[in-house]
Amino acid sequence: MSNKIINDPVHGFIRVKFDSVLRCINHVYFQRLRNIAQLGLTHMVYPGAVHSRFHHALGAFHLMQVAIEQLRVKGVTISEKEEEAACLAILLHDIGHGPFSHALEKSFFKKISHEQISIALMRAMNKEFNGDLELAIEIFTNKYPRKFFYQLIASQLDVDRLDYLKRDSFYSGVVEGNIAVDRILAMIDVVDNEIVVHEKGIMSVQHFLLSRNLMYWQVYLHKTVMSAEFMLIKFFERIYELIQKGENITSSNPRLNYFFQLAEEERSQLSPEIMAEFVKLDDSDVWTVLKDMQGASDEIIKSLSERILARQFYKVCFSEKLYNERITQFSNLDLSLSPYYHFSDTVTMVAYSAAQPIQIVTKSEGVLPYEEYIVKNAMIYSIENKTSKTFYYSL
C-alpha cells in the first residue's frame, strides 16, 4: 500500500493509498496530461483557467475515494479490489485526450472519440502491468455487474462532473460553479445497484444542475472562447484540405508532421503505430505549429495563426440579420474560402436528461426520478432540459 500525499489547491490533501494508482500517475501516458489544458483556449478569456487534465484527473480520483468512503458508511459493501479498480478507472478516464482536449478532438482522428482512445491506452497499460487494470477496464466500459461503480464515473451526477465544475470555477474565478461537492457525496447511497441521492440533499442537487448550466453558458460556451476554438479547428481543417490537394505542408514539429502525412483512412483507426505517435502530442506541439505557420504562403493558414497568437478572434453575434449585414462588407473575398472567414454553428446544451435520471430516495415514496420529485414537491427550480443557441462568426 502506498502512502503518497498530493496537495491539491481545490480539494486539499489527496491520499494515494494504492501502489497501482501511484504507478499509473507516474506513467508517461498520464504525465502527458500535465501539458494538456483542461479548458482549451478558455484562458484567453479567463486568465486563471490554465489548469490541466492532470489536475482534473487527480481531483476526480480523490472524489471517487470520498464517494466510496461515504457509501461504506451507509452499509454498502465494497471490497478493496473494487475500490482500487474504481479509482484506477476514474484516474484514467481522460487519458485519451489530445491537444486542447475537446477543441481538437476531431482534428487528428476521424470518427474516433477520446473515450475510445482512453480505453485503447488503458488496455496497453494493462498489458504492461500484467493485467492489473482488468477490473478497472471492466468498470470503465460498464461491463461490471455492480453498475453503480460506472455511474460514479459516467452519469448525470458523477465524480467527473463534480470535480470539473468545482475546479473550473476555482481557476476561472466564476463563482457560480462553486458547488457543494462534500454535501452531495455525503447524500449518495446505493439502491437496487444504482446511485441515489437522499432527498435531504435535493437542494445541493439543484444547485449542481443550475451551476452546470451557468458554467456552460458563462465559461465553456462563452462566445469568445468558442470563437478562439473554432478558429483553431479551422486552422487544422485548412491544413488537411491543402494536404489532400497534394500540397506539402510541414512544420518544425515532427510529431504533428506525422499526423499531417497520414492518409484520410488512417486517421479513422487506432493502430499501435498511430497510438505511439499520438501519446507524444500535447498543447505545446500546437503552439509550435501556430508559430511556424505565421510565415505560411497560404493566406488562410497565415491569417488564422497570426490572429490566434495575437488574440484577434472573429466577431461573434447571435443574430442572423446582423451576421448577414456584416459579411456583406467582405464581398470581395473568394467565395470558395468564405467558410474559413464566415460561418455559423448551433450549440445544444443538455443540462439534464430524463433518459438517465438522477434518482432521489424518499422516506415515503421510495425512489423517484429527479424531475418527478420536483413536480410532486412543487419545488421552485426545475432545470430546463435542453437549450440551443446559434453562434455566427465573422471577420
Foldseek 3Di string as FASTA:
>chain_A
DDFDWDQAPQPGIAGDDDPVQVVVCPDLLLVLQQQAFPQQPLCLPQVLRRGTPSNLLSQLLRLLVLLVVLQVVVPDDDDPLRSVLLSNLSSLQQSQAFHSGPLCQPLLFHPDGSNNSSLVVLVVVCVVVVNSNVVNSCLCVQNDPLVQSVCLRDALDHSSLVRVLCVSCVRSVPVLSNADSSLQSNQWYDDPSHIAGAPVCLVSVLSNLVSVVCCCDPGNVPPLSVQLSVLLSLLSVVLLVVVVVPDQDDFPDPLVSVSSPDDNVVSHDDDVVNSVSRSVGYNVSSLRVLVRQCPPPDPLNVVSSVCSVVVNTWDKDQDPVVLVVVCVVVVVDDPVCVCSFKDKDKDKDFSADPVRFHWYQYPPPGIDGSVVVCVVVVPPDDDDGMDMTMMITHD
